[in-house]
Amino acid sequence: MDWQTLIAAGIVIVTLTIFLVRLVRPQQRGGCGHDCGCGKK
């Protein structure tokens, strides 16, 4: 294997890892937590 193949395989592995972590990790909801001082109740 040459170095370009190893770099390409590494990029694919890192990308797949990021997608899998984001898929498994629970989604955090954005918005006000009622302690931000925005005045919403």
PDB file of N, CA and C in Angstrom:
ATOM      1  N   MET A   1       0.844  -1.189   0.000  1.00  0.00           N
ATOM      2  CA  MET A   1       0.000   0.000   0.000  1.00  0.00           C
ATOM      3  C   MET A   1       0.884   1.247   0.000  1.00  0.00           C
ATOM      4  N   ASP A   2       0.483   2.204  -0.776  1.00  0.00           N
ATOM      5  CA  ASP A   2       1.220   3.452  -0.779  1.00  0.00           C
ATOM      6  C   ASP A   2       0.599   4.416   0.237  1.00  0.00           C
ATOM      7  N   TRP A   3       1.233   5.546   0.438  1.00  0.00           N
ATOM      8  CA  TRP A   3       0.809   6.473   1.491  1.00  0.00           C
ATOM      9  C   TRP A   3      -0.530   7.115   1.179  1.00  0.00           C
ATOM     10  N   GLN A   4      -0.867   7.311  -0.087  1.00  0.00           N
ATOM     11  CA  GLN A   4      -2.147   7.930  -0.434  1.00  0.00           C
ATOM     12  C   GLN A   4      -3.321   7.021  -0.076  1.00  0.00           C
ATOM     13  N   THR A   5      -3.151   5.740  -0.256  1.00  0.00           N
ATOM     14  CA  THR A   5      -4.200   4.795   0.108  1.00  0.00           C
ATOM     15  C   THR A   5      -4.412   4.792   1.613  1.00  0.00           C
ATOM     16  N   LEU A   6      -3.329   4.826   2.372  1.00  0.00           N
ATOM     17  CA  LEU A   6      -3.438   4.854   3.829  1.00  0.00           C
ATOM     18  C   LEU A   6      -4.109   6.136   4.315  1.00  0.00           C
ATOM     19  N   ILE A   7      -3.772   7.269   3.727  1.00  0.00           N
ATOM     20  CA  ILE A   7      -4.388   8.546   4.108  1.00  0.00           C
ATOM     21  C   ILE A   7      -5.885   8.518   3.781  1.00  0.00           C
ATOM     22  N   ALA A   8      -6.247   8.024   2.603  1.00  0.00           N
ATOM     23  CA  ALA A   8      -7.658   7.953   2.203  1.00  0.00           C
ATOM     24  C   ALA A   8      -8.438   7.031   3.135  1.00  0.00           C
ATOM     25  N   ALA A   9      -7.872   5.895   3.480  1.00  0.00           N
ATOM     26  CA  ALA A   9      -8.540   4.977   4.398  1.00  0.00           C
ATOM     27  C   ALA A   9      -8.695   5.618   5.783  1.00  0.00           C
ATOM     28  N   GLY A  10      -7.693   6.348   6.229  1.00  0.00           N
ATOM     29  CA  GLY A  10      -7.778   7.038   7.516  1.00  0.00           C
ATOM     30  C   GLY A  10      -8.878   8.085   7.530  1.00  0.00           C
ATOM     31  N   ILE A  11      -9.017   8.834   6.444  1.00  0.00           N
ATOM     32  CA  ILE A  11     -10.062   9.850   6.358  1.00  0.00           C
ATOM     33  C   ILE A  11     -11.439   9.190   6.388  1.00  0.00           C
ATOM     34  N   VAL A  12     -11.599   8.092   5.686  1.00  0.00           N
ATOM     35  CA  VAL A  12     -12.881   7.380   5.679  1.00  0.00           C
ATOM     36  C   VAL A  12     -13.209   6.865   7.082  1.00  0.00           C
ATOM     37  N   ILE A  13     -12.232   6.307   7.759  1.00  0.00           N
ATOM     38  CA  ILE A  13     -12.457   5.779   9.109  1.00  0.00           C
ATOM     39  C   ILE A  13     -12.832   6.895  10.073  1.00  0.00           C
ATOM     40  N   VAL A  14     -12.147   8.028  10.003  1.00  0.00           N
ATOM     41  CA  VAL A  14     -12.468   9.162  10.884  1.00  0.00           C
ATOM     42  C   VAL A  14     -13.874   9.677  10.596  1.00  0.00           C
ATOM     43  N   THR A  15     -14.237   9.798   9.325  1.00  0.00           N
ATOM     44  CA  THR A  15     -15.567  10.280   8.955  1.00  0.00           C
ATOM     45  C   THR A  15     -16.662   9.329   9.445  1.00  0.00           C
ATOM     46  N   LEU A  16     -16.470   8.042   9.260  1.00  0.00           N
ATOM     47  CA  LEU A  16     -17.450   7.068   9.734  1.00  0.00           C
ATOM     48  C   LEU A  16     -17.575   7.104  11.256  1.00  0.00           C
ATOM     49  N   THR A  17     -16.461   7.279  11.942  1.00  0.00           N
ATOM     50  CA  THR A  17     -16.496   7.368  13.404  1.00  0.00           C
ATOM     51  C   THR A  17     -17.297   8.572  13.861  1.00  0.00           C
ATOM     52  N   ILE A  18     -17.103   9.715  13.211  1.00  0.00           N
ATOM     53  CA  ILE A  18     -17.843  10.925  13.569  1.00  0.00           C
ATOM     54  C   ILE A  18     -19.339  10.715  13.332  1.00  0.00           C
ATOM     55  N   PHE A  19     -19.709  10.136  12.199  1.00  0.00           N
ATOM     56  CA  PHE A  19     -21.126   9.885  11.921  1.00  0.00           C
ATOM     57  C   PHE A  19     -21.737   8.934  12.943  1.00  0.00           C
ATOM     58  N   LEU A  20     -21.016   7.884  13.295  1.00  0.00           N
ATOM     59  CA  LEU A  20     -21.538   6.914  14.259  1.00  0.00           C
ATOM     60  C   LEU A  20     -21.692   7.524  15.646  1.00  0.00           C
ATOM     61  N   VAL A  21     -20.737   8.337  16.064  1.00  0.00           N
ATOM     62  CA  VAL A  21     -20.832   8.984  17.381  1.00  0.00           C
ATOM     63  C   VAL A  21     -22.028   9.926  17.413  1.00  0.00           C
ATOM     64  N   ARG A  22     -22.229  10.684  16.353  1.00  0.00           N
ATOM     65  CA  ARG A  22     -23.371  11.608  16.312  1.00  0.00           C
ATOM     66  C   ARG A  22     -24.695  10.867  16.247  1.00  0.00           C
ATOM     67  N   LEU A  23     -24.708   9.690  15.638  1.00  0.00           N
ATOM     68  CA  LEU A  23     -25.921   8.902  15.553  1.00  0.00           C
ATOM     69  C   LEU A  23     -26.287   8.290  16.903  1.00  0.00           C
ATOM     70  N   VAL A  24     -25.293   7.822  17.640  1.00  0.00           N
ATOM     71  CA  VAL A  24     -25.525   7.137  18.904  1.00  0.00           C
ATOM     72  C   VAL A  24     -25.773   8.123  20.039  1.00  0.00           C
ATOM     73  N   ARG A  25     -25.069   9.247  20.031  1.00  0.00           N
ATOM     74  CA  ARG A  25     -25.200  10.220  21.118  1.00  0.00           C
ATOM     75  C   ARG A  25     -26.597  10.828  21.110  1.00  0.00           C
ATOM     76  N   PRO A  26     -27.218  10.974  22.280  1.00  0.00           N
ATOM     77  CA  PRO A  26     -28.556  11.566  22.314  1.00  0.00           C
ATOM     78  C   PRO A  26     -28.528  13.015  21.816  1.00  0.00           C
ATOM     79  N   GLN A  27     -29.597  13.371  21.127  1.00  0.00           N
ATOM     80  CA  GLN A  27     -29.696  14.720  20.570  1.00  0.00           C
ATOM     81  C   GLN A  27     -29.950  15.731  21.683  1.00  0.00           C
ATOM     82  N   GLN A  28     -29.191  16.810  21.664  1.00  0.00           N
ATOM     83  CA  GLN A  28     -29.407  17.874  22.633  1.00  0.00           C
ATOM     84  C   GLN A  28     -30.329  18.900  22.002  1.00  0.00           C
ATOM     85  N   ARG A  29     -31.314  19.285  22.741  1.00  0.00           N
ATOM     86  CA  ARG A  29     -32.265  20.261  22.213  1.00  0.00           C
ATOM     87  C   ARG A  29     -31.753  21.658  22.521  1.00  0.00           C
ATOM     88  N   GLY A  30     -31.833  22.505  21.533  1.00  0.00           N
ATOM     89  CA  GLY A  30     -31.448  23.886  21.717  1.00  0.00           C
ATOM     90  C   GLY A  30     -32.576  24.674  22.338  1.00  0.00           C
ATOM     91  N   GLY A  31     -32.333  25.900  22.610  1.00  0.00           N
ATOM     92  CA  GLY A  31     -33.392  26.741  23.142  1.00  0.00           C
ATOM     93  C   GLY A  31     -33.091  27.205  24.548  1.00  0.00           C
ATOM     94  N   CYS A  32     -34.065  27.816  25.117  1.00  0.00           N
ATOM     95  CA  CYS A  32     -33.914  28.442  26.416  1.00  0.00           C
ATOM     96  C   CYS A  32     -34.025  27.401  27.523  1.00  0.00           C
ATOM     97  N   GLY A  33     -33.143  27.521  28.496  1.00  0.00           N
ATOM     98  CA  GLY A  33     -33.190  26.655  29.656  1.00  0.00           C
ATOM     99  C   GLY A  33     -33.811  27.356  30.842  1.00  0.00           C
ATOM    100  N   HIS A  34     -34.451  28.482  30.623  1.00  0.00           N
ATOM    101  CA  HIS A  34     -35.133  29.299  31.626  1.00  0.00           C
ATOM    102  C   HIS A  34     -34.181  29.945  32.622  1.00  0.00           C
ATOM    103  N   ASP A  35     -32.890  29.780  32.463  1.00  0.00           N
ATOM    104  CA  ASP A  35     -31.921  30.449  33.325  1.00  0.00           C
ATOM    105  C   ASP A  35     -30.981  31.330  32.514  1.00  0.00           C
ATOM    106  N   CYS A  36     -31.388  31.670  31.296  1.00  0.00           N
ATOM    107  CA  CYS A  36     -30.479  32.419  30.434  1.00  0.00           C
ATOM    108  C   CYS A  36     -30.672  33.927  30.560  1.00  0.00           C
ATOM    109  N   GLY A  37     -31.742  34.364  31.214  1.00  0.00           N
ATOM    110  CA  GLY A  37     -31.969  35.787  31.386  1.00  0.00           C
ATOM    111  C   GLY A  37     -32.675  36.436  30.216  1.00  0.00           C
ATOM    112  N   CYS A  38     -33.302  35.644  29.341  1.00  0.00           N
ATOM    113  CA  CYS A  38     -33.943  36.205  28.153  1.00  0.00           C
ATOM    114  C   CYS A  38     -35.364  36.708  28.449  1.00  0.00           C
ATOM    115  N   GLY A  39     -35.926  36.371  29.585  1.00  0.00           N
ATOM    116  CA  GLY A  39     -37.247  36.834  29.945  1.00  0.00           C
ATOM    117  C   GLY A  39     -38.364  35.873  29.592  1.00  0.00           C
ATOM    118  N   LYS A  40     -38.059  34.760  28.918  1.00  0.00           N
ATOM    119  CA  LYS A  40     -39.099  33.787  28.590  1.00  0.00           C
ATOM    120  C   LYS A  40     -39.406  32.926  29.811  1.00  0.00           C
ATOM    121  N   LYS A  41     -40.653  32.516  29.906  1.00  0.00           N
ATOM    122  CA  LYS A  41     -41.048  31.660  31.032  1.00  0.00           C
ATOM    123  C   LYS A  41     -41.515  30.336  30.509  1.00  0.00           C
TER     124      LYS A  41
END
